[in-house]
Amino acid sequence: MRIRSGEPTSQGEQIQEAEREAARRRLLEQAEAERVPVEDTTRAVPDRRWRRGR
């Protein structure tokens, strides 16, 4: 059995790596679910009402 650098070696390390990967996937799924498409955002419209009094 050859061990590559960066690869988990013990069962505990493998479990931790799997948990980290699952957490990363959950975060990405949550971020995607909360993402607002650019088409759905509104543009800021300048309020020029203050110029009417001039």
PDB file of N, CA and C in Angstrom:
ATOM      1  N   MET A   1       0.846  -1.182   0.000  1.00  0.00           N
ATOM      2  CA  MET A   1       0.000   0.000   0.000  1.00  0.00           C
ATOM      3  C   MET A   1       0.890   1.243   0.000  1.00  0.00           C
ATOM      4  N   ARG A   2       0.684   2.096  -1.003  1.00  0.00           N
ATOM      5  CA  ARG A   2       1.453   3.335  -1.091  1.00  0.00           C
ATOM      6  C   ARG A   2       0.609   4.488  -0.591  1.00  0.00           C
ATOM      7  N   ILE A   3       1.208   5.326   0.230  1.00  0.00           N
ATOM      8  CA  ILE A   3       0.506   6.481   0.795  1.00  0.00           C
ATOM      9  C   ILE A   3       0.984   7.724   0.062  1.00  0.00           C
ATOM     10  N   ARG A   4       0.047   8.414  -0.548  1.00  0.00           N
ATOM     11  CA  ARG A   4       0.381   9.664  -1.224  1.00  0.00           C
ATOM     12  C   ARG A   4       0.289  10.802  -0.223  1.00  0.00           C
ATOM     13  N   SER A   5       1.092  11.817  -0.446  1.00  0.00           N
ATOM     14  CA  SER A   5       1.040  12.969   0.458  1.00  0.00           C
ATOM     15  C   SER A   5      -0.314  13.662   0.298  1.00  0.00           C
ATOM     16  N   GLY A   6      -0.876  14.099   1.432  1.00  0.00           N
ATOM     17  CA  GLY A   6      -2.156  14.778   1.404  1.00  0.00           C
ATOM     18  C   GLY A   6      -3.352  13.849   1.492  1.00  0.00           C
ATOM     19  N   GLU A   7      -3.132  12.560   1.392  1.00  0.00           N
ATOM     20  CA  GLU A   7      -4.226  11.612   1.487  1.00  0.00           C
ATOM     21  C   GLU A   7      -4.423  11.194   2.938  1.00  0.00           C
ATOM     22  N   PRO A   8      -5.690  11.126   3.415  1.00  0.00           N
ATOM     23  CA  PRO A   8      -5.911  10.676   4.788  1.00  0.00           C
ATOM     24  C   PRO A   8      -5.417   9.240   4.953  1.00  0.00           C
ATOM     25  N   THR A   9      -4.770   8.967   6.074  1.00  0.00           N
ATOM     26  CA  THR A   9      -4.204   7.633   6.271  1.00  0.00           C
ATOM     27  C   THR A   9      -4.997   6.814   7.271  1.00  0.00           C
ATOM     28  N   SER A  10      -5.411   7.407   8.381  1.00  0.00           N
ATOM     29  CA  SER A  10      -6.135   6.638   9.384  1.00  0.00           C
ATOM     30  C   SER A  10      -7.638   6.722   9.127  1.00  0.00           C
ATOM     31  N   GLN A  11      -8.374   5.838   9.760  1.00  0.00           N
ATOM     32  CA  GLN A  11      -9.826   5.830   9.608  1.00  0.00           C
ATOM     33  C   GLN A  11     -10.417   7.145  10.112  1.00  0.00           C
ATOM     34  N   GLY A  12      -9.878   7.663  11.224  1.00  0.00           N
ATOM     35  CA  GLY A  12     -10.359   8.939  11.754  1.00  0.00           C
ATOM     36  C   GLY A  12     -10.149  10.080  10.773  1.00  0.00           C
ATOM     37  N   GLU A  13      -8.994  10.100  10.118  1.00  0.00           N
ATOM     38  CA  GLU A  13      -8.726  11.144   9.119  1.00  0.00           C
ATOM     39  C   GLU A  13      -9.653  11.001   7.926  1.00  0.00           C
ATOM     40  N   GLN A  14      -9.933   9.769   7.540  1.00  0.00           N
ATOM     41  CA  GLN A  14     -10.844   9.542   6.417  1.00  0.00           C
ATOM     42  C   GLN A  14     -12.251  10.022   6.759  1.00  0.00           C
ATOM     43  N   ILE A  15     -12.696   9.776   7.988  1.00  0.00           N
ATOM     44  CA  ILE A  15     -14.017  10.236   8.424  1.00  0.00           C
ATOM     45  C   ILE A  15     -14.066  11.758   8.445  1.00  0.00           C
ATOM     46  N   GLN A  16     -13.000  12.379   8.978  1.00  0.00           N
ATOM     47  CA  GLN A  16     -12.955  13.846   9.014  1.00  0.00           C
ATOM     48  C   GLN A  16     -12.984  14.425   7.602  1.00  0.00           C
ATOM     49  N   GLU A  17     -12.247  13.823   6.696  1.00  0.00           N
ATOM     50  CA  GLU A  17     -12.227  14.303   5.315  1.00  0.00           C
ATOM     51  C   GLU A  17     -13.616  14.176   4.688  1.00  0.00           C
ATOM     52  N   ALA A  18     -14.298  13.066   4.944  1.00  0.00           N
ATOM     53  CA  ALA A  18     -15.650  12.867   4.413  1.00  0.00           C
ATOM     54  C   ALA A  18     -16.616  13.901   5.000  1.00  0.00           C
ATOM     55  N   GLU A  19     -16.468  14.192   6.287  1.00  0.00           N
ATOM     56  CA  GLU A  19     -17.320  15.202   6.914  1.00  0.00           C
ATOM     57  C   GLU A  19     -17.056  16.582   6.338  1.00  0.00           C
ATOM     58  N   ARG A  20     -15.786  16.912   6.119  1.00  0.00           N
ATOM     59  CA  ARG A  20     -15.449  18.209   5.511  1.00  0.00           C
ATOM     60  C   ARG A  20     -16.047  18.328   4.112  1.00  0.00           C
ATOM     61  N   GLU A  21     -15.937  17.258   3.343  1.00  0.00           N
ATOM     62  CA  GLU A  21     -16.488  17.267   1.985  1.00  0.00           C
ATOM     63  C   GLU A  21     -18.010  17.417   2.016  1.00  0.00           C
ATOM     64  N   ALA A  22     -18.668  16.722   2.936  1.00  0.00           N
ATOM     65  CA  ALA A  22     -20.131  16.829   3.055  1.00  0.00           C
ATOM     66  C   ALA A  22     -20.524  18.249   3.467  1.00  0.00           C
ATOM     67  N   ALA A  23     -19.781  18.852   4.385  1.00  0.00           N
ATOM     68  CA  ALA A  23     -20.065  20.221   4.812  1.00  0.00           C
ATOM     69  C   ALA A  23     -19.863  21.192   3.655  1.00  0.00           C
ATOM     70  N   ARG A  24     -18.806  20.982   2.880  1.00  0.00           N
ATOM     71  CA  ARG A  24     -18.543  21.849   1.720  1.00  0.00           C
ATOM     72  C   ARG A  24     -19.690  21.770   0.720  1.00  0.00           C
ATOM     73  N   ARG A  25     -20.160  20.553   0.467  1.00  0.00           N
ATOM     74  CA  ARG A  25     -21.289  20.381  -0.468  1.00  0.00           C
ATOM     75  C   ARG A  25     -22.553  21.038   0.052  1.00  0.00           C
ATOM     76  N   ARG A  26     -22.817  20.907   1.372  1.00  0.00           N
ATOM     77  CA  ARG A  26     -24.012  21.545   1.951  1.00  0.00           C
ATOM     78  C   ARG A  26     -23.928  23.060   1.803  1.00  0.00           C
ATOM     79  N   LEU A  27     -22.746  23.621   2.076  1.00  0.00           N
ATOM     80  CA  LEU A  27     -22.586  25.071   1.943  1.00  0.00           C
ATOM     81  C   LEU A  27     -22.798  25.527   0.501  1.00  0.00           C
ATOM     82  N   LEU A  28     -22.250  24.786  -0.441  1.00  0.00           N
ATOM     83  CA  LEU A  28     -22.423  25.155  -1.848  1.00  0.00           C
ATOM     84  C   LEU A  28     -23.885  25.043  -2.274  1.00  0.00           C
ATOM     85  N   GLU A  29     -24.570  24.000  -1.807  1.00  0.00           N
ATOM     86  CA  GLU A  29     -25.989  23.845  -2.135  1.00  0.00           C
ATOM     87  C   GLU A  29     -26.815  24.974  -1.534  1.00  0.00           C
ATOM     88  N   GLN A  30     -26.501  25.354  -0.294  1.00  0.00           N
ATOM     89  CA  GLN A  30     -27.218  26.444   0.358  1.00  0.00           C
ATOM     90  C   GLN A  30     -26.961  27.763  -0.362  1.00  0.00           C
ATOM     91  N   ALA A  31     -25.720  28.013  -0.727  1.00  0.00           N
ATOM     92  CA  ALA A  31     -25.380  29.249  -1.436  1.00  0.00           C
ATOM     93  C   ALA A  31     -26.102  29.309  -2.777  1.00  0.00           C
ATOM     94  N   GLU A  32     -26.169  28.197  -3.477  1.00  0.00           N
ATOM     95  CA  GLU A  32     -26.858  28.162  -4.767  1.00  0.00           C
ATOM     96  C   GLU A  32     -28.353  28.392  -4.578  1.00  0.00           C
ATOM     97  N   ALA A  33     -28.942  27.828  -3.518  1.00  0.00           N
ATOM     98  CA  ALA A  33     -30.369  27.995  -3.269  1.00  0.00           C
ATOM     99  C   ALA A  33     -30.700  29.448  -2.923  1.00  0.00           C
ATOM    100  N   GLU A  34     -29.771  30.145  -2.264  1.00  0.00           N
ATOM    101  CA  GLU A  34     -30.013  31.528  -1.857  1.00  0.00           C
ATOM    102  C   GLU A  34     -29.571  32.548  -2.899  1.00  0.00           C
ATOM    103  N   ARG A  35     -28.941  32.081  -3.955  1.00  0.00           N
ATOM    104  CA  ARG A  35     -28.421  32.994  -4.976  1.00  0.00           C
ATOM    105  C   ARG A  35     -29.564  33.687  -5.702  1.00  0.00           C
ATOM    106  N   VAL A  36     -29.403  34.971  -5.941  1.00  0.00           N
ATOM    107  CA  VAL A  36     -30.396  35.739  -6.682  1.00  0.00           C
ATOM    108  C   VAL A  36     -29.830  35.989  -8.081  1.00  0.00           C
ATOM    109  N   PRO A  37     -30.517  35.504  -9.104  1.00  0.00           N
ATOM    110  CA  PRO A  37     -30.012  35.732 -10.465  1.00  0.00           C
ATOM    111  C   PRO A  37     -29.924  37.229 -10.782  1.00  0.00           C
ATOM    112  N   VAL A  38     -28.966  37.590 -11.587  1.00  0.00           N
ATOM    113  CA  VAL A  38     -28.750  38.997 -11.942  1.00  0.00           C
ATOM    114  C   VAL A  38     -30.005  39.590 -12.568  1.00  0.00           C
ATOM    115  N   GLU A  39     -30.722  38.784 -13.340  1.00  0.00           N
ATOM    116  CA  GLU A  39     -31.918  39.281 -14.018  1.00  0.00           C
ATOM    117  C   GLU A  39     -32.992  39.710 -13.017  1.00  0.00           C
ATOM    118  N   ASP A  40     -32.961  39.145 -11.809  1.00  0.00           N
ATOM    119  CA  ASP A  40     -33.978  39.449 -10.805  1.00  0.00           C
ATOM    120  C   ASP A  40     -33.609  40.620  -9.907  1.00  0.00           C
ATOM    121  N   THR A  41     -32.431  41.166 -10.080  1.00  0.00           N
ATOM    122  CA  THR A  41     -32.036  42.306  -9.251  1.00  0.00           C
ATOM    123  C   THR A  41     -32.529  43.585  -9.904  1.00  0.00           C
ATOM    124  N   THR A  42     -32.726  44.598  -9.104  1.00  0.00           N
ATOM    125  CA  THR A  42     -33.181  45.873  -9.652  1.00  0.00           C
ATOM    126  C   THR A  42     -32.010  46.838  -9.699  1.00  0.00           C
ATOM    127  N   ARG A  43     -32.061  47.722 -10.648  1.00  0.00           N
ATOM    128  CA  ARG A  43     -31.024  48.739 -10.751  1.00  0.00           C
ATOM    129  C   ARG A  43     -31.416  49.933  -9.910  1.00  0.00           C
ATOM    130  N   ALA A  44     -30.433  50.589  -9.375  1.00  0.00           N
ATOM    131  CA  ALA A  44     -30.697  51.805  -8.614  1.00  0.00           C
ATOM    132  C   ALA A  44     -31.097  52.902  -9.591  1.00  0.00           C
ATOM    133  N   VAL A  45     -32.198  53.569  -9.297  1.00  0.00           N
ATOM    134  CA  VAL A  45     -32.674  54.661 -10.140  1.00  0.00           C
ATOM    135  C   VAL A  45     -32.412  55.950  -9.377  1.00  0.00           C
ATOM    136  N   PRO A  46     -31.699  56.877  -9.994  1.00  0.00           N
ATOM    137  CA  PRO A  46     -31.401  58.123  -9.282  1.00  0.00           C
ATOM    138  C   PRO A  46     -32.683  58.894  -8.969  1.00  0.00           C
ATOM    139  N   ASP A  47     -32.735  59.441  -7.775  1.00  0.00           N
ATOM    140  CA  ASP A  47     -33.896  60.221  -7.350  1.00  0.00           C
ATOM    141  C   ASP A  47     -33.624  61.679  -7.676  1.00  0.00           C
ATOM    142  N   ARG A  48     -34.295  62.169  -8.692  1.00  0.00           N
ATOM    143  CA  ARG A  48     -34.031  63.539  -9.154  1.00  0.00           C
ATOM    144  C   ARG A  48     -35.121  64.505  -8.694  1.00  0.00           C
ATOM    145  N   ARG A  49     -35.960  64.067  -7.766  1.00  0.00           N
ATOM    146  CA  ARG A  49     -37.045  64.940  -7.302  1.00  0.00           C
ATOM    147  C   ARG A  49     -36.512  66.233  -6.684  1.00  0.00           C
ATOM    148  N   TRP A  50     -35.302  66.186  -6.092  1.00  0.00           N
ATOM    149  CA  TRP A  50     -34.763  67.359  -5.439  1.00  0.00           C
ATOM    150  C   TRP A  50     -34.472  68.476  -6.436  1.00  0.00           C
ATOM    151  N   ARG A  51     -34.369  68.168  -7.727  1.00  0.00           N
ATOM    152  CA  ARG A  51     -34.072  69.217  -8.733  1.00  0.00           C
ATOM    153  C   ARG A  51     -35.317  70.011  -9.123  1.00  0.00           C
ATOM    154  N   ARG A  52     -36.489  69.501  -8.822  1.00  0.00           N
ATOM    155  CA  ARG A  52     -37.728  70.165  -9.237  1.00  0.00           C
ATOM    156  C   ARG A  52     -37.861  71.567  -8.634  1.00  0.00           C
ATOM    157  N   GLY A  53     -37.344  71.751  -7.428  1.00  0.00           N
ATOM    158  CA  GLY A  53     -37.476  73.034  -6.752  1.00  0.00           C
ATOM    159  C   GLY A  53     -36.570  74.123  -7.312  1.00  0.00           C
ATOM    160  N   ARG A  54     -35.642  73.772  -8.178  1.00  0.00           N
ATOM    161  CA  ARG A  54     -34.695  74.769  -8.710  1.00  0.00           C
ATOM    162  C   ARG A  54     -35.271  75.578  -9.816  1.00  0.00           C
TER     163      ARG A  54
END
